[in-house]
Protein backbone atom coordinates (compact mmCIF):
# COMPACT_ATOMS: atom_id res chain seq x y z
CA UNK A 1 8.25 -47.78 16.50
CA UNK A 2 5.72 -46.96 14.20
CA UNK A 3 4.29 -43.69 12.70
CA UNK A 4 0.90 -43.68 13.76
CA UNK A 5 2.40 -44.77 17.37
CA UNK A 6 4.91 -41.82 17.55
CA UNK A 7 1.64 -38.97 16.82
CA UNK A 8 -0.50 -40.78 19.29
CA UNK A 9 2.72 -40.10 21.72
CA UNK A 10 3.15 -36.62 21.15
CA UNK A 11 1.51 -34.61 23.84
CA UNK A 12 -0.16 -31.62 22.73
CA UNK A 13 1.69 -28.24 23.02
CA UNK A 14 -1.16 -25.54 25.04
CA UNK A 15 0.41 -22.72 23.32
CA UNK A 16 -0.16 -23.70 19.82
CA UNK A 17 -3.79 -23.06 19.04
CA UNK A 18 -3.42 -23.79 15.49
CA UNK A 19 -1.99 -19.80 14.73
CA UNK A 20 2.03 -20.96 15.35
CA UNK A 21 2.82 -18.76 11.79
CA UNK A 22 0.55 -16.35 12.00
CA UNK A 23 1.73 -13.23 13.91
CA UNK A 24 5.11 -14.32 10.61
CA UNK A 25 1.69 -15.14 8.27
CA UNK A 26 0.25 -11.15 9.14
CA UNK A 27 3.45 -9.67 7.24
CA UNK A 28 2.96 -11.93 3.47
CA UNK A 29 2.32 -9.84 1.03
CA UNK A 30 -1.25 -11.25 -0.79
CA UNK A 31 -1.66 -11.13 -3.91
CA UNK A 32 -4.36 -8.28 -3.86
CA UNK A 33 -1.71 -5.78 -2.34
CA UNK A 34 0.98 -6.25 -4.17
CA UNK A 35 -1.47 -5.54 -7.70
CA UNK A 36 -2.20 -2.46 -5.45
CA UNK A 37 0.90 -1.20 -4.79
CA UNK A 38 1.91 -2.17 -8.03
CA UNK A 39 -0.73 0.04 -10.08
CA UNK A 40 0.21 2.90 -6.95
CA UNK A 41 3.80 2.65 -8.46
CA UNK A 42 3.00 2.58 -11.96
CA UNK A 43 0.14 5.58 -11.25
CA UNK A 44 3.48 7.42 -9.77
CA UNK A 45 5.71 6.55 -12.52
CA UNK A 46 4.93 7.22 -15.63
CA UNK A 47 4.64 10.66 -17.11
CA UNK A 48 2.15 12.66 -19.42
CA UNK A 49 4.03 11.70 -22.49
CA UNK A 50 4.62 7.62 -21.89
CA UNK A 51 8.42 8.54 -20.08
CA UNK A 52 9.60 7.30 -16.52
CA UNK A 53 9.75 9.22 -13.53
CA UNK A 54 9.94 7.04 -9.37
CA UNK A 55 7.66 7.83 -6.56
CA UNK A 56 9.96 8.48 -4.50
CA UNK A 57 10.80 7.39 -0.98
CA UNK A 58 8.83 4.82 1.22
CA UNK A 59 7.36 7.21 2.68
CA UNK A 60 5.28 8.45 -0.04
CA UNK A 61 4.37 4.89 -1.12
CA UNK A 62 2.74 4.28 2.61
CA UNK A 63 1.03 7.97 2.56
CA UNK A 64 -0.50 7.31 -0.67
CA UNK A 65 -1.18 3.57 -0.20
CA UNK A 66 -2.54 4.39 3.46
CA UNK A 67 -5.42 6.43 1.45
CA UNK A 68 -5.32 4.09 -1.25
CA UNK A 69 -6.79 1.87 1.34
CA UNK A 70 -8.77 4.01 2.99
CA UNK A 71 -11.47 5.70 1.00
CA UNK A 72 -13.06 7.66 3.83
CA UNK A 73 -9.64 9.19 4.67
CA UNK A 74 -8.29 10.24 0.87
CA UNK A 75 -11.99 12.13 0.73
CA UNK A 76 -11.05 14.01 3.47
CA UNK A 77 -7.05 14.77 3.05
CA UNK A 78 -8.91 15.94 -0.54
CA UNK A 79 -11.83 18.11 0.43
CA UNK A 80 -8.72 19.50 3.24
CA UNK A 81 -6.04 20.40 0.99
CA UNK A 82 -8.73 21.98 -2.60
CA UNK A 83 -10.29 19.32 -4.30
CA UNK A 84 -14.04 19.93 -4.85
CA UNK A 85 -17.38 17.61 -3.66
CA UNK A 86 -17.75 17.54 -7.67
CA UNK A 87 -13.63 15.48 -7.75
CA UNK A 88 -14.48 13.19 -5.12
CA UNK A 89 -17.83 12.58 -5.92
CA UNK A 90 -16.21 8.77 -7.16
CA UNK A 91 -15.82 8.62 -3.69
CA UNK A 92 -17.83 6.42 -1.04
CA UNK A 93 -17.29 7.38 2.06
CA UNK A 94 -19.06 4.76 3.63
CA UNK A 95 -16.93 2.02 1.84
CA UNK A 96 -15.02 -0.23 3.43
CA UNK A 97 -11.43 -0.56 4.04
CA UNK A 98 -9.42 -2.08 1.37
CA UNK A 99 -7.20 -3.81 3.87
CA UNK A 100 -6.85 -2.91 7.99
CA UNK A 101 -3.95 -3.65 8.38
CA UNK A 102 -1.91 -0.69 8.94
CA UNK A 103 -0.14 0.33 12.36
CA UNK A 104 0.53 3.70 13.66
CA UNK A 105 4.60 4.04 13.60
CA UNK A 106 6.99 7.38 13.28
CA UNK A 107 6.41 8.94 10.31
CA UNK A 108 2.62 8.20 10.50
CA UNK A 109 -0.04 5.12 8.94
CA UNK A 110 3.02 2.43 8.45
CA UNK A 111 2.26 -2.00 7.72
CA UNK A 112 5.23 -3.83 7.84
CA UNK A 113 4.49 -6.39 5.27
CA UNK A 114 5.84 -3.16 2.85
CA UNK A 115 9.32 -5.13 3.04
CA UNK A 116 7.68 -8.91 1.76
CA UNK A 117 5.49 -6.79 -0.56
CA UNK A 118 8.33 -4.59 -2.62
CA UNK A 119 10.46 -8.04 -2.38
CA UNK A 120 8.25 -9.82 -3.99
CA UNK A 121 7.20 -6.95 -6.34
CA UNK A 122 10.73 -6.45 -7.20
CA UNK A 123 12.10 -10.19 -7.23
CA UNK A 124 9.41 -10.77 -9.90
CA UNK A 125 10.53 -8.62 -12.69
CA UNK A 126 7.69 -6.29 -12.06
CA UNK A 127 9.05 -3.04 -10.24
CA UNK A 128 12.63 -1.26 -10.12
CA UNK A 129 14.52 0.40 -7.22
CA UNK A 130 16.77 3.35 -8.06
CA UNK A 131 18.41 5.69 -6.38
CA UNK A 132 17.65 8.84 -6.49
CA UNK A 133 19.88 11.20 -7.82
CA UNK A 134 20.41 14.19 -5.67
CA UNK A 135 19.36 13.09 -1.91
CA UNK A 136 18.94 9.96 -0.43
CA UNK A 137 16.63 7.26 -0.34
CA UNK A 138 14.88 5.10 -3.57
CA UNK A 139 12.89 5.96 -6.14
CA UNK A 140 10.45 3.01 -7.28
CA UNK A 141 8.85 2.70 -10.77
CA UNK A 142 7.74 -0.24 -12.94
CA UNK A 143 9.04 -2.35 -14.92
CA UNK A 144 8.14 -3.06 -18.71
CA UNK A 145 6.50 -6.63 -17.81
CA UNK A 146 5.10 -4.42 -14.40
CA UNK A 147 3.71 -1.33 -16.51
CA UNK A 148 1.59 -4.23 -18.97
CA UNK A 149 0.86 -6.08 -15.99
CA UNK A 150 -0.49 -2.96 -14.62
CA UNK A 151 -1.89 -1.83 -18.02
CA UNK A 152 -4.04 -5.49 -17.68
CA UNK A 153 -5.41 -4.84 -14.31
CA UNK A 154 -6.79 -1.50 -15.37
CA UNK A 155 -9.01 -2.80 -17.78
CA UNK A 156 -10.64 -5.13 -15.17
CA UNK A 157 -13.63 -3.61 -13.96
CA UNK A 158 -13.22 -4.60 -10.95
CA UNK A 159 -9.77 -2.64 -10.68
CA UNK A 160 -12.14 0.19 -11.45
CA UNK A 161 -12.59 1.80 -7.55
CA UNK A 162 -9.36 1.71 -7.38
CA UNK A 163 -8.15 3.04 -10.46
CA UNK A 164 -10.52 6.24 -9.35
CA UNK A 165 -9.12 6.53 -6.59
CA UNK A 166 -5.29 6.33 -7.95
CA UNK A 167 -6.50 8.99 -10.10
CA UNK A 168 -7.66 11.60 -7.47
CA UNK A 169 -4.18 10.06 -5.41
CA UNK A 170 -2.01 11.74 -8.68
CA UNK A 171 -3.86 14.57 -9.44
CA UNK A 172 -4.41 16.06 -6.29
CA UNK A 173 -2.30 14.78 -4.30
CA UNK A 174 1.64 14.23 -5.63
CA UNK A 175 3.24 15.46 -2.91
CA UNK A 176 6.46 14.70 -0.59
CA UNK A 177 6.05 12.34 1.24
CA UNK A 178 7.16 14.57 4.48
CA UNK A 179 4.42 17.03 3.06
CA UNK A 180 1.47 13.61 2.98
CA UNK A 181 2.65 12.79 6.25
CA UNK A 182 1.77 16.39 7.76
CA UNK A 183 -1.96 15.71 6.33
CA UNK A 184 -2.44 12.96 7.26
CA UNK A 185 -1.56 13.83 10.87
CA UNK A 186 -4.48 16.75 10.61
CA UNK A 187 -6.30 13.50 10.71
CA UNK A 188 -7.72 12.86 14.85
CA UNK A 189 -7.69 9.07 14.09
CA UNK A 190 -3.99 9.09 12.92
CA UNK A 191 -2.65 11.67 15.30
CA UNK A 192 -4.25 10.19 18.63
CA UNK A 193 -3.49 6.48 18.00
CA UNK A 194 -0.62 5.16 20.28
CA UNK A 195 2.06 3.66 18.79
CA UNK A 196 1.84 -0.07 17.33
CA UNK A 197 -2.23 1.14 17.10
């Protein structure tokens, strides 16, 4: 039987709308998401003197990333917790979210793509994960290669709005993951959402 004959004998799958891999594709990291998370980890893993620290834990990472993605929510949280209107002037409250894949989970907004995102960044030598000393959990920091890539990305004008938000996060919201979670639950949209919504 020829190949062309075989293909014509195939019956169409009524359940296959061409999107068979769509659920899995939703969890694949995009280059934009990788760049955003790399910049976030870099911002929180440097000290003023150029030393290294860590972004402590996935809960903190997810909450900071939520605020980075949603400038309207970032503005509300900042104003509710001590920032001035002058501080938040760089934020456009009407700006669309960067990425809307997050869902409500036990500790607030979560993106199932984080596992793939972090795996990709670690696998390419851009991020290092280390156990936190004296407590459970892991810390994230950029490697020398990742830190240099972050510098290159920040020098690109298209990353300026993201860089502004990162500075606000670091200056005003360098809190524990649990504190950030509580801040987010002050937002009705988060508190009233059902799990997996």
